[in-house]
Each structure stands twice: as C-alpha cells, then as structure tokens.
Amino acid sequence: MASKQPDALLGPESDSQRTQYPYVTGTSVVAIKYKDGILMASDMGGSYGSTLRYKSVERIKPIGKHSLLGASGEISDFQEILRYLDELILYDNMWDDGNSLGPKEVHNYLTRIMYNRRNKFNPLWNSLVLGGVKNGQKYLGTVSMIGVNFEDNHVASGFGNHLARPILRQEWHENLSFEDGVRLLEKCMLVLLYRDRSAINKFQIAKITDEGVTIHQPYSLKTNWEFSAFQNPSQGAVGTW
C-alpha cells in the first residue's frame, strides 16, 4: 500500500500556477524619438519554443492617452501586464480630476511591477519598451524582467540590444522626420530579420505624438538572401561551428 504524502510537503501554494518558463515568446522591439514624437517597431512572430508558431501577434499597444508599450518575451505575461495597466488607467480615470497618467508615470509603475514580481521569485518574463508624449515632452524608456530600467533617445529589447542599437548610435539624430525615422527602423528590423532566427518578415510600426497613437497595418520588407556570408556562413569562422 502506497504511503500518503505528507500535506506539509505540499504547502499552502501547492495548487498555484505561474509561468516557470516562457513558452510562446516574441522577439525584439525597437523604438526611437523623432522630431514629433516616438516611433516603435516590432515583428508579429510568436515562437513556441524554437518553432515560429504564430504569425499575427501584436506586441505594441496604446496605454492611456499618452503612452505606447511594446514587449519582448512571454506573450501571456504581456497580457497580464496589460491587465494591470487597464486597471491602473481605469482607477486614474475614476478620479476625474482632469489629469491623466503620462509615460513617465507609467514607466515608473512598470519598473515597480517587474521588480516586485522578481523579488517574489515569480517574474513576468518580459522586456518592455515604453514611449510617449505629454504636453510636448517626449519620453522613451525600457525595463527588463528584473526591474533594470533606463531612459534614452533610442532603446531596444531582445536581440535589438545587440544588433539594432549600434545602428541607432551611428544614424539617429534628434531632428529625424517621420519618413527618415521609419526608414531607420526598417533598416534595424531588416538586420534583425537576417540575424535573429525568431524574427519574421511581418512588421508593425506605431507612432505617438501630441495628437495621439497611430498603429499602422502590418507589412513586409524586401529582402536579399544572396549575400556570400549567407551562402557559406562558416567560412573563415574560428572554431568548429
């Protein structure tokens, strides 16, 4: 007869459910300040492990009147964050005092959420990019899954930190027009498409200005896979790969 497992080993949270490991994930988000506001770009892929399972996942969402949020990482955790923000915006609107949360306040709130969940050993598996405009002031910041955060003129999550930021450091300037900003983001997303196996050729670009948020319809970029480095990627490489 099998012995009964002691209840003390199970504990009061034995039936709790949480994300122990990211399953369906999205890759890089890239955002920049431009002359009139903020531009943000991401692809629409959702990877189930190493399989590109979903091709129409929107990872850029408007938050309140003044903010735009993009996310890399676990899609279900991103949905949980959006639920938190919906409650925050609703609670703020209930005050009915004529004020509304700006991007800096939303960014600070997200840093507290991510750091709090990290301290409970129950993190939200996302890297977030938060941009917005309020009263003519542009704001752009990022926060990691453990609460590390900063502001900058251009930010990126995922592989964008390694592949897109060097391009932005060379080519970004504060007087970028909308058209030049879009071209710069497209260049970054094209590099990520070539070098990041989790990226797909279906992108969304969103902008936010004092007039509000515009999230453009998805589209694809023209690609060229005839580069010699793609034909023989191991040629001249150090090691056995």
C-alpha atoms as a PDB file:
ATOM      1  CA  MET A   1       0.000   0.000   0.000  1.00  0.00           C
ATOM      2  CA  ALA A   2       1.464   3.363  -1.060  1.00  0.00           C
ATOM      3  CA  SER A   3       2.176   5.734   1.760  1.00  0.00           C
ATOM      4  CA  LYS A   4       0.295   9.025   1.789  1.00  0.00           C
ATOM      5  CA  GLN A   5       2.420  12.083   1.002  1.00  0.00           C
ATOM      6  CA  PRO A   6       2.527  14.453   3.992  1.00  0.00           C
ATOM      7  CA  ASP A   7       0.492  17.607   3.487  1.00  0.00           C
ATOM      8  CA  ALA A   8       3.345  19.634   4.976  1.00  0.00           C
ATOM      9  CA  LEU A   9       5.465  18.898   1.904  1.00  0.00           C
ATOM     10  CA  LEU A  10       2.834  20.351  -0.371  1.00  0.00           C
ATOM     11  CA  GLY A  11       2.313  23.625   1.477  1.00  0.00           C
ATOM     12  CA  PRO A  12      -0.488  26.133   1.013  1.00  0.00           C
ATOM     13  CA  GLU A  13       0.567  27.070  -2.535  1.00  0.00           C
ATOM     14  CA  SER A  14       0.796  23.569  -3.944  1.00  0.00           C
ATOM     15  CA  ASP A  15      -2.001  24.276  -6.443  1.00  0.00           C
ATOM     16  CA  SER A  16      -0.781  27.712  -7.567  1.00  0.00           C
ATOM     17  CA  GLN A  17       0.008  28.230 -11.232  1.00  0.00           C
ATOM     18  CA  ARG A  18       2.638  30.612 -12.593  1.00  0.00           C
ATOM     19  CA  THR A  19       4.933  30.991 -15.586  1.00  0.00           C
ATOM     20  CA  GLN A  20       8.019  28.988 -14.667  1.00  0.00           C
ATOM     21  CA  TYR A  21       9.492  29.204 -18.148  1.00  0.00           C
ATOM     22  CA  PRO A  22       8.486  31.254 -21.219  1.00  0.00           C
ATOM     23  CA  TYR A  23       6.649  29.193 -23.845  1.00  0.00           C
ATOM     24  CA  VAL A  24       5.200  31.489 -26.523  1.00  0.00           C
ATOM     25  CA  THR A  25       7.572  34.421 -26.941  1.00  0.00           C
ATOM     26  CA  GLY A  26       8.100  37.462 -29.124  1.00  0.00           C
ATOM     27  CA  THR A  27      11.477  38.872 -30.091  1.00  0.00           C
ATOM     28  CA  SER A  28      12.879  42.405 -30.411  1.00  0.00           C
ATOM     29  CA  VAL A  29      11.133  45.759 -30.072  1.00  0.00           C
ATOM     30  CA  VAL A  30      12.958  48.881 -31.312  1.00  0.00           C
ATOM     31  CA  ALA A  31      11.888  52.457 -30.544  1.00  0.00           C
ATOM     32  CA  ILE A  32      13.283  55.922 -31.211  1.00  0.00           C
ATOM     33  CA  LYS A  33      12.447  59.544 -30.564  1.00  0.00           C
ATOM     34  CA  TYR A  34      11.842  61.576 -33.703  1.00  0.00           C
ATOM     35  CA  LYS A  35      11.003  65.205 -34.408  1.00  0.00           C
ATOM     36  CA  ASP A  36       7.306  64.987 -33.496  1.00  0.00           C
ATOM     37  CA  GLY A  37       7.153  62.101 -31.019  1.00  0.00           C
ATOM     38  CA  ILE A  38       8.015  58.420 -30.653  1.00  0.00           C
ATOM     39  CA  LEU A  39       8.289  55.653 -33.264  1.00  0.00           C
ATOM     40  CA  MET A  40       8.196  51.980 -32.264  1.00  0.00           C
ATOM     41  CA  ALA A  41       8.576  48.810 -34.352  1.00  0.00           C
ATOM     42  CA  SER A  42       8.287  45.075 -33.802  1.00  0.00           C
ATOM     43  CA  ASP A  43       7.598  41.997 -35.860  1.00  0.00           C
ATOM     44  CA  MET A  44       4.478  39.897 -35.307  1.00  0.00           C
ATOM     45  CA  GLY A  45       6.008  36.490 -34.691  1.00  0.00           C
ATOM     46  CA  GLY A  46       5.205  34.297 -31.712  1.00  0.00           C
ATOM     47  CA  SER A  47       7.638  31.432 -31.161  1.00  0.00           C
ATOM     48  CA  TYR A  48       6.544  28.224 -29.443  1.00  0.00           C
ATOM     49  CA  GLY A  49       9.968  27.142 -28.249  1.00  0.00           C
ATOM     50  CA  SER A  50      12.081  27.239 -31.408  1.00  0.00           C
ATOM     51  CA  THR A  51       9.045  26.940 -33.699  1.00  0.00           C
ATOM     52  CA  LEU A  52       7.620  30.105 -35.268  1.00  0.00           C
ATOM     53  CA  ARG A  53       4.073  29.077 -34.438  1.00  0.00           C
ATOM     54  CA  TYR A  54       2.099  32.337 -34.591  1.00  0.00           C
ATOM     55  CA  LYS A  55       2.416  34.982 -37.307  1.00  0.00           C
ATOM     56  CA  SER A  56      -0.001  37.723 -36.219  1.00  0.00           C
ATOM     57  CA  VAL A  57       0.847  38.571 -32.609  1.00  0.00           C
ATOM     58  CA  GLU A  58       0.505  42.285 -31.877  1.00  0.00           C
ATOM     59  CA  ARG A  59       3.142  43.313 -29.337  1.00  0.00           C
ATOM     60  CA  ILE A  60       2.634  47.093 -29.452  1.00  0.00           C
ATOM     61  CA  LYS A  61      -0.313  48.506 -27.524  1.00  0.00           C
ATOM     62  CA  PRO A  62      -1.544  52.020 -26.597  1.00  0.00           C
ATOM     63  CA  ILE A  63      -1.681  52.747 -22.856  1.00  0.00           C
ATOM     64  CA  GLY A  64      -3.994  55.537 -21.809  1.00  0.00           C
ATOM     65  CA  LYS A  65      -3.839  58.819 -23.723  1.00  0.00           C
ATOM     66  CA  HIS A  66      -0.118  59.466 -23.808  1.00  0.00           C
ATOM     67  CA  SER A  67       1.799  56.158 -23.908  1.00  0.00           C
ATOM     68  CA  LEU A  68       2.756  53.295 -26.180  1.00  0.00           C
ATOM     69  CA  LEU A  69       4.013  49.937 -24.879  1.00  0.00           C
ATOM     70  CA  GLY A  70       5.979  47.247 -26.716  1.00  0.00           C
ATOM     71  CA  ALA A  71       7.078  43.914 -25.259  1.00  0.00           C
ATOM     72  CA  SER A  72       9.504  41.102 -25.910  1.00  0.00           C
ATOM     73  CA  GLY A  73       9.223  37.776 -24.142  1.00  0.00           C
ATOM     74  CA  GLU A  74       6.319  35.672 -22.914  1.00  0.00           C
ATOM     75  CA  ILE A  75       3.036  36.661 -24.582  1.00  0.00           C
ATOM     76  CA  SER A  76       0.781  35.544 -21.723  1.00  0.00           C
ATOM     77  CA  ASP A  77       2.812  37.601 -19.235  1.00  0.00           C
ATOM     78  CA  PHE A  78       2.482  40.606 -21.556  1.00  0.00           C
ATOM     79  CA  GLN A  79      -1.294  40.095 -21.461  1.00  0.00           C
ATOM     80  CA  GLU A  80      -1.107  40.080 -17.651  1.00  0.00           C
ATOM     81  CA  ILE A  81       0.831  43.365 -17.706  1.00  0.00           C
ATOM     82  CA  LEU A  82      -1.816  44.874 -19.998  1.00  0.00           C
ATOM     83  CA  ARG A  83      -4.472  43.816 -17.470  1.00  0.00           C
ATOM     84  CA  TYR A  84      -2.546  45.592 -14.697  1.00  0.00           C
ATOM     85  CA  LEU A  85      -2.319  48.719 -16.842  1.00  0.00           C
ATOM     86  CA  ASP A  86      -6.015  48.639 -17.734  1.00  0.00           C
ATOM     87  CA  GLU A  87      -6.815  48.639 -14.010  1.00  0.00           C
ATOM     88  CA  LEU A  88      -4.328  51.460 -13.415  1.00  0.00           C
ATOM     89  CA  ILE A  89      -5.787  53.647 -16.170  1.00  0.00           C
ATOM     90  CA  LEU A  90      -9.356  52.916 -15.049  1.00  0.00           C
ATOM     91  CA  TYR A  91      -8.517  53.813 -11.432  1.00  0.00           C
ATOM     92  CA  ASP A  92      -6.841  57.027 -12.609  1.00  0.00           C
ATOM     93  CA  ASN A  93      -9.890  57.966 -14.713  1.00  0.00           C
ATOM     94  CA  MET A  94     -12.173  57.421 -11.737  1.00  0.00           C
ATOM     95  CA  TRP A  95     -10.566  60.409 -10.017  1.00  0.00           C
ATOM     96  CA  ASP A  96     -11.996  62.575 -12.800  1.00  0.00           C
ATOM     97  CA  ASP A  97      -9.643  65.411 -11.906  1.00  0.00           C
ATOM     98  CA  GLY A  98      -8.737  66.411 -15.449  1.00  0.00           C
ATOM     99  CA  ASN A  99      -5.283  64.837 -15.177  1.00  0.00           C
ATOM    100  CA  SER A 100      -4.083  61.649 -16.884  1.00  0.00           C
ATOM    101  CA  LEU A 101      -1.052  59.442 -16.423  1.00  0.00           C
ATOM    102  CA  GLY A 102       1.898  60.332 -18.628  1.00  0.00           C
ATOM    103  CA  PRO A 103       4.560  57.986 -19.985  1.00  0.00           C
ATOM    104  CA  LYS A 104       6.998  58.721 -17.150  1.00  0.00           C
ATOM    105  CA  GLU A 105       4.413  57.667 -14.543  1.00  0.00           C
ATOM    106  CA  VAL A 106       3.526  54.514 -16.480  1.00  0.00           C
ATOM    107  CA  HIS A 107       7.220  53.647 -16.855  1.00  0.00           C
ATOM    108  CA  ASN A 108       7.803  54.076 -13.115  1.00  0.00           C
ATOM    109  CA  TYR A 109       4.783  51.875 -12.406  1.00  0.00           C
ATOM    110  CA  LEU A 110       6.135  49.144 -14.703  1.00  0.00           C
ATOM    111  CA  THR A 111       9.549  49.200 -13.024  1.00  0.00           C
ATOM    112  CA  ARG A 112       7.848  48.655  -9.650  1.00  0.00           C
ATOM    113  CA  ILE A 113       5.714  45.814 -11.038  1.00  0.00           C
ATOM    114  CA  MET A 114       8.683  43.997 -12.633  1.00  0.00           C
ATOM    115  CA  TYR A 115      10.952  44.452  -9.595  1.00  0.00           C
ATOM    116  CA  ASN A 116       8.216  43.382  -7.179  1.00  0.00           C
ATOM    117  CA  ARG A 117       7.481  40.200  -9.111  1.00  0.00           C
ATOM    118  CA  ARG A 118      11.188  39.456  -9.383  1.00  0.00           C
ATOM    119  CA  ASN A 119      11.555  39.768  -5.593  1.00  0.00           C
ATOM    120  CA  LYS A 120       8.745  37.244  -5.162  1.00  0.00           C
ATOM    121  CA  PHE A 121      10.636  34.793  -7.427  1.00  0.00           C
ATOM    122  CA  ASN A 122       7.647  34.942  -9.742  1.00  0.00           C
ATOM    123  CA  PRO A 123       8.859  37.237 -12.528  1.00  0.00           C
ATOM    124  CA  LEU A 124       6.990  38.417 -15.561  1.00  0.00           C
ATOM    125  CA  TRP A 125       9.153  37.118 -18.422  1.00  0.00           C
ATOM    126  CA  ASN A 126       9.203  40.303 -20.495  1.00  0.00           C
ATOM    127  CA  SER A 127      11.411  43.162 -21.545  1.00  0.00           C
ATOM    128  CA  LEU A 128       9.295  46.271 -22.025  1.00  0.00           C
ATOM    129  CA  VAL A 129       9.701  49.426 -24.108  1.00  0.00           C
ATOM    130  CA  LEU A 130       7.564  52.403 -23.042  1.00  0.00           C
ATOM    131  CA  GLY A 131       7.347  55.597 -25.056  1.00  0.00           C
ATOM    132  CA  GLY A 132       5.023  58.548 -25.078  1.00  0.00           C
ATOM    133  CA  VAL A 133       4.396  62.262 -25.412  1.00  0.00           C
ATOM    134  CA  LYS A 134       2.653  64.520 -22.920  1.00  0.00           C
ATOM    135  CA  ASN A 135       2.490  68.308 -23.058  1.00  0.00           C
ATOM    136  CA  GLY A 136       5.023  68.285 -25.867  1.00  0.00           C
ATOM    137  CA  GLN A 137       7.597  66.341 -23.836  1.00  0.00           C
ATOM    138  CA  LYS A 138       8.859  63.117 -25.440  1.00  0.00           C
ATOM    139  CA  TYR A 139       9.721  60.185 -23.187  1.00  0.00           C
ATOM    140  CA  LEU A 140      11.281  56.822 -24.007  1.00  0.00           C
ATOM    141  CA  GLY A 141      12.413  54.141 -21.587  1.00  0.00           C
ATOM    142  CA  THR A 142      12.794  50.425 -21.089  1.00  0.00           C
ATOM    143  CA  VAL A 143      12.555  47.956 -18.210  1.00  0.00           C
ATOM    144  CA  SER A 144      13.797  44.368 -18.006  1.00  0.00           C
ATOM    145  CA  MET A 145      12.157  41.365 -16.347  1.00  0.00           C
ATOM    146  CA  ILE A 146      14.127  42.009 -13.140  1.00  0.00           C
ATOM    147  CA  GLY A 147      13.361  45.722 -12.992  1.00  0.00           C
ATOM    148  CA  VAL A 148      16.506  47.191 -14.575  1.00  0.00           C
ATOM    149  CA  ASN A 149      15.376  50.392 -16.281  1.00  0.00           C
ATOM    150  CA  PHE A 150      16.664  53.491 -18.036  1.00  0.00           C
ATOM    151  CA  GLU A 151      15.657  56.295 -20.398  1.00  0.00           C
ATOM    152  CA  ASP A 152      17.334  57.092 -23.718  1.00  0.00           C
ATOM    153  CA  ASN A 153      16.759  58.620 -27.132  1.00  0.00           C
ATOM    154  CA  HIS A 154      16.554  55.138 -28.639  1.00  0.00           C
ATOM    155  CA  VAL A 155      16.001  51.787 -26.941  1.00  0.00           C
ATOM    156  CA  ALA A 156      15.604  48.160 -27.957  1.00  0.00           C
ATOM    157  CA  SER A 157      14.796  44.828 -26.362  1.00  0.00           C
ATOM    158  CA  GLY A 158      15.919  41.289 -27.143  1.00  0.00           C
ATOM    159  CA  PHE A 159      18.492  40.909 -29.915  1.00  0.00           C
ATOM    160  CA  GLY A 160      17.797  44.513 -30.833  1.00  0.00           C
ATOM    161  CA  ASN A 161      20.069  45.500 -27.943  1.00  0.00           C
ATOM    162  CA  HIS A 162      22.985  43.851 -29.743  1.00  0.00           C
ATOM    163  CA  LEU A 163      22.114  44.328 -33.416  1.00  0.00           C
ATOM    164  CA  ALA A 164      19.950  47.457 -33.682  1.00  0.00           C
ATOM    165  CA  ARG A 165      21.441  49.790 -31.054  1.00  0.00           C
ATOM    166  CA  PRO A 166      24.836  50.080 -32.863  1.00  0.00           C
ATOM    167  CA  ILE A 167      22.976  51.240 -35.992  1.00  0.00           C
ATOM    168  CA  LEU A 168      20.937  53.715 -33.966  1.00  0.00           C
ATOM    169  CA  ARG A 169      24.025  55.109 -32.242  1.00  0.00           C
ATOM    170  CA  GLN A 170      25.518  55.896 -35.647  1.00  0.00           C
ATOM    171  CA  GLU A 171      22.485  57.176 -37.545  1.00  0.00           C
ATOM    172  CA  TRP A 172      19.966  58.586 -35.054  1.00  0.00           C
ATOM    173  CA  HIS A 173      19.633  62.335 -34.550  1.00  0.00           C
ATOM    174  CA  GLU A 174      17.007  64.380 -32.747  1.00  0.00           C
ATOM    175  CA  ASN A 175      15.586  66.095 -35.839  1.00  0.00           C
ATOM    176  CA  LEU A 176      14.565  62.924 -37.666  1.00  0.00           C
ATOM    177  CA  SER A 177      11.444  63.343 -39.776  1.00  0.00           C
ATOM    178  CA  PHE A 178       8.738  60.687 -39.690  1.00  0.00           C
ATOM    179  CA  GLU A 179       9.863  59.271 -43.058  1.00  0.00           C
ATOM    180  CA  ASP A 180      13.546  59.143 -42.034  1.00  0.00           C
ATOM    181  CA  GLY A 181      12.613  57.578 -38.686  1.00  0.00           C
ATOM    182  CA  VAL A 182      10.605  54.858 -40.402  1.00  0.00           C
ATOM    183  CA  ARG A 183      13.491  54.138 -42.790  1.00  0.00           C
ATOM    184  CA  LEU A 184      15.896  53.875 -39.848  1.00  0.00           C
ATOM    185  CA  LEU A 185      13.595  51.462 -38.018  1.00  0.00           C
ATOM    186  CA  GLU A 186      13.136  49.409 -41.193  1.00  0.00           C
ATOM    187  CA  LYS A 187      16.907  49.125 -41.519  1.00  0.00           C
ATOM    188  CA  CYS A 188      17.121  47.838 -37.934  1.00  0.00           C
ATOM    189  CA  MET A 189      14.275  45.378 -38.438  1.00  0.00           C
ATOM    190  CA  LEU A 190      15.831  44.086 -41.658  1.00  0.00           C
ATOM    191  CA  VAL A 191      19.126  43.376 -39.873  1.00  0.00           C
ATOM    192  CA  LEU A 192      17.190  41.593 -37.128  1.00  0.00           C
ATOM    193  CA  LEU A 193      15.307  39.565 -39.743  1.00  0.00           C
ATOM    194  CA  TYR A 194      18.590  38.411 -41.240  1.00  0.00           C
ATOM    195  CA  ARG A 195      20.342  37.627 -37.963  1.00  0.00           C
ATOM    196  CA  ASP A 196      17.622  36.628 -35.456  1.00  0.00           C
ATOM    197  CA  ARG A 197      16.035  33.243 -36.148  1.00  0.00           C
ATOM    198  CA  SER A 198      12.922  34.204 -34.146  1.00  0.00           C
ATOM    199  CA  ALA A 199      12.118  37.220 -36.347  1.00  0.00           C
ATOM    200  CA  ILE A 200       9.643  37.083 -39.217  1.00  0.00           C
ATOM    201  CA  ASN A 201       9.089  39.338 -42.229  1.00  0.00           C
ATOM    202  CA  LYS A 202       5.855  40.859 -40.959  1.00  0.00           C
ATOM    203  CA  PHE A 203       6.265  44.135 -39.093  1.00  0.00           C
ATOM    204  CA  GLN A 204       4.212  46.773 -37.349  1.00  0.00           C
ATOM    205  CA  ILE A 205       5.279  50.365 -36.850  1.00  0.00           C
ATOM    206  CA  ALA A 206       3.481  52.642 -34.404  1.00  0.00           C
ATOM    207  CA  LYS A 207       3.860  56.321 -33.623  1.00  0.00           C
ATOM    208  CA  ILE A 208       2.662  58.541 -30.809  1.00  0.00           C
ATOM    209  CA  THR A 209       2.549  62.329 -30.874  1.00  0.00           C
ATOM    210  CA  ASP A 210       0.572  65.009 -29.044  1.00  0.00           C
ATOM    211  CA  GLU A 211      -2.310  64.172 -31.412  1.00  0.00           C
ATOM    212  CA  GLY A 212      -2.461  60.534 -30.253  1.00  0.00           C
ATOM    213  CA  VAL A 213      -1.440  57.000 -31.222  1.00  0.00           C
ATOM    214  CA  THR A 214      -1.323  55.511 -34.720  1.00  0.00           C
ATOM    215  CA  ILE A 215      -0.539  51.799 -35.148  1.00  0.00           C
ATOM    216  CA  HIS A 216      -0.019  51.065 -38.831  1.00  0.00           C
ATOM    217  CA  GLN A 217      -1.093  47.914 -40.604  1.00  0.00           C
ATOM    218  CA  PRO A 218       1.469  45.066 -40.818  1.00  0.00           C
ATOM    219  CA  TYR A 219       3.690  44.884 -43.873  1.00  0.00           C
ATOM    220  CA  SER A 220       6.791  43.079 -45.153  1.00  0.00           C
ATOM    221  CA  LEU A 221      10.197  44.315 -46.289  1.00  0.00           C
ATOM    222  CA  LYS A 222      12.061  43.441 -49.466  1.00  0.00           C
ATOM    223  CA  THR A 223      14.881  41.029 -48.632  1.00  0.00           C
ATOM    224  CA  ASN A 224      18.028  39.755 -50.331  1.00  0.00           C
ATOM    225  CA  TRP A 225      19.446  36.387 -49.288  1.00  0.00           C
ATOM    226  CA  GLU A 226      22.202  36.228 -51.916  1.00  0.00           C
ATOM    227  CA  PHE A 227      24.955  37.639 -49.693  1.00  0.00           C
ATOM    228  CA  SER A 228      28.097  35.491 -49.779  1.00  0.00           C
ATOM    229  CA  ALA A 229      28.124  35.302 -45.964  1.00  0.00           C
ATOM    230  CA  PHE A 230      24.707  33.591 -46.093  1.00  0.00           C
ATOM    231  CA  GLN A 231      25.863  31.054 -48.698  1.00  0.00           C
ATOM    232  CA  ASN A 232      28.805  29.822 -46.622  1.00  0.00           C
ATOM    233  CA  PRO A 233      28.375  31.150 -43.082  1.00  0.00           C
ATOM    234  CA  SER A 234      31.151  29.045 -41.544  1.00  0.00           C
ATOM    235  CA  GLN A 235      33.874  30.182 -43.959  1.00  0.00           C
ATOM    236  CA  GLY A 236      36.660  31.884 -42.040  1.00  0.00           C
ATOM    237  CA  ALA A 237      34.984  31.269 -38.696  1.00  0.00           C
ATOM    238  CA  VAL A 238      37.087  30.411 -35.661  1.00  0.00           C
ATOM    239  CA  GLY A 239      36.151  27.101 -34.049  1.00  0.00           C
ATOM    240  CA  THR A 240      34.176  24.099 -35.258  1.00  0.00           C
ATOM    241  CA  TRP A 241      30.746  25.614 -35.905  1.00  0.00           C
END
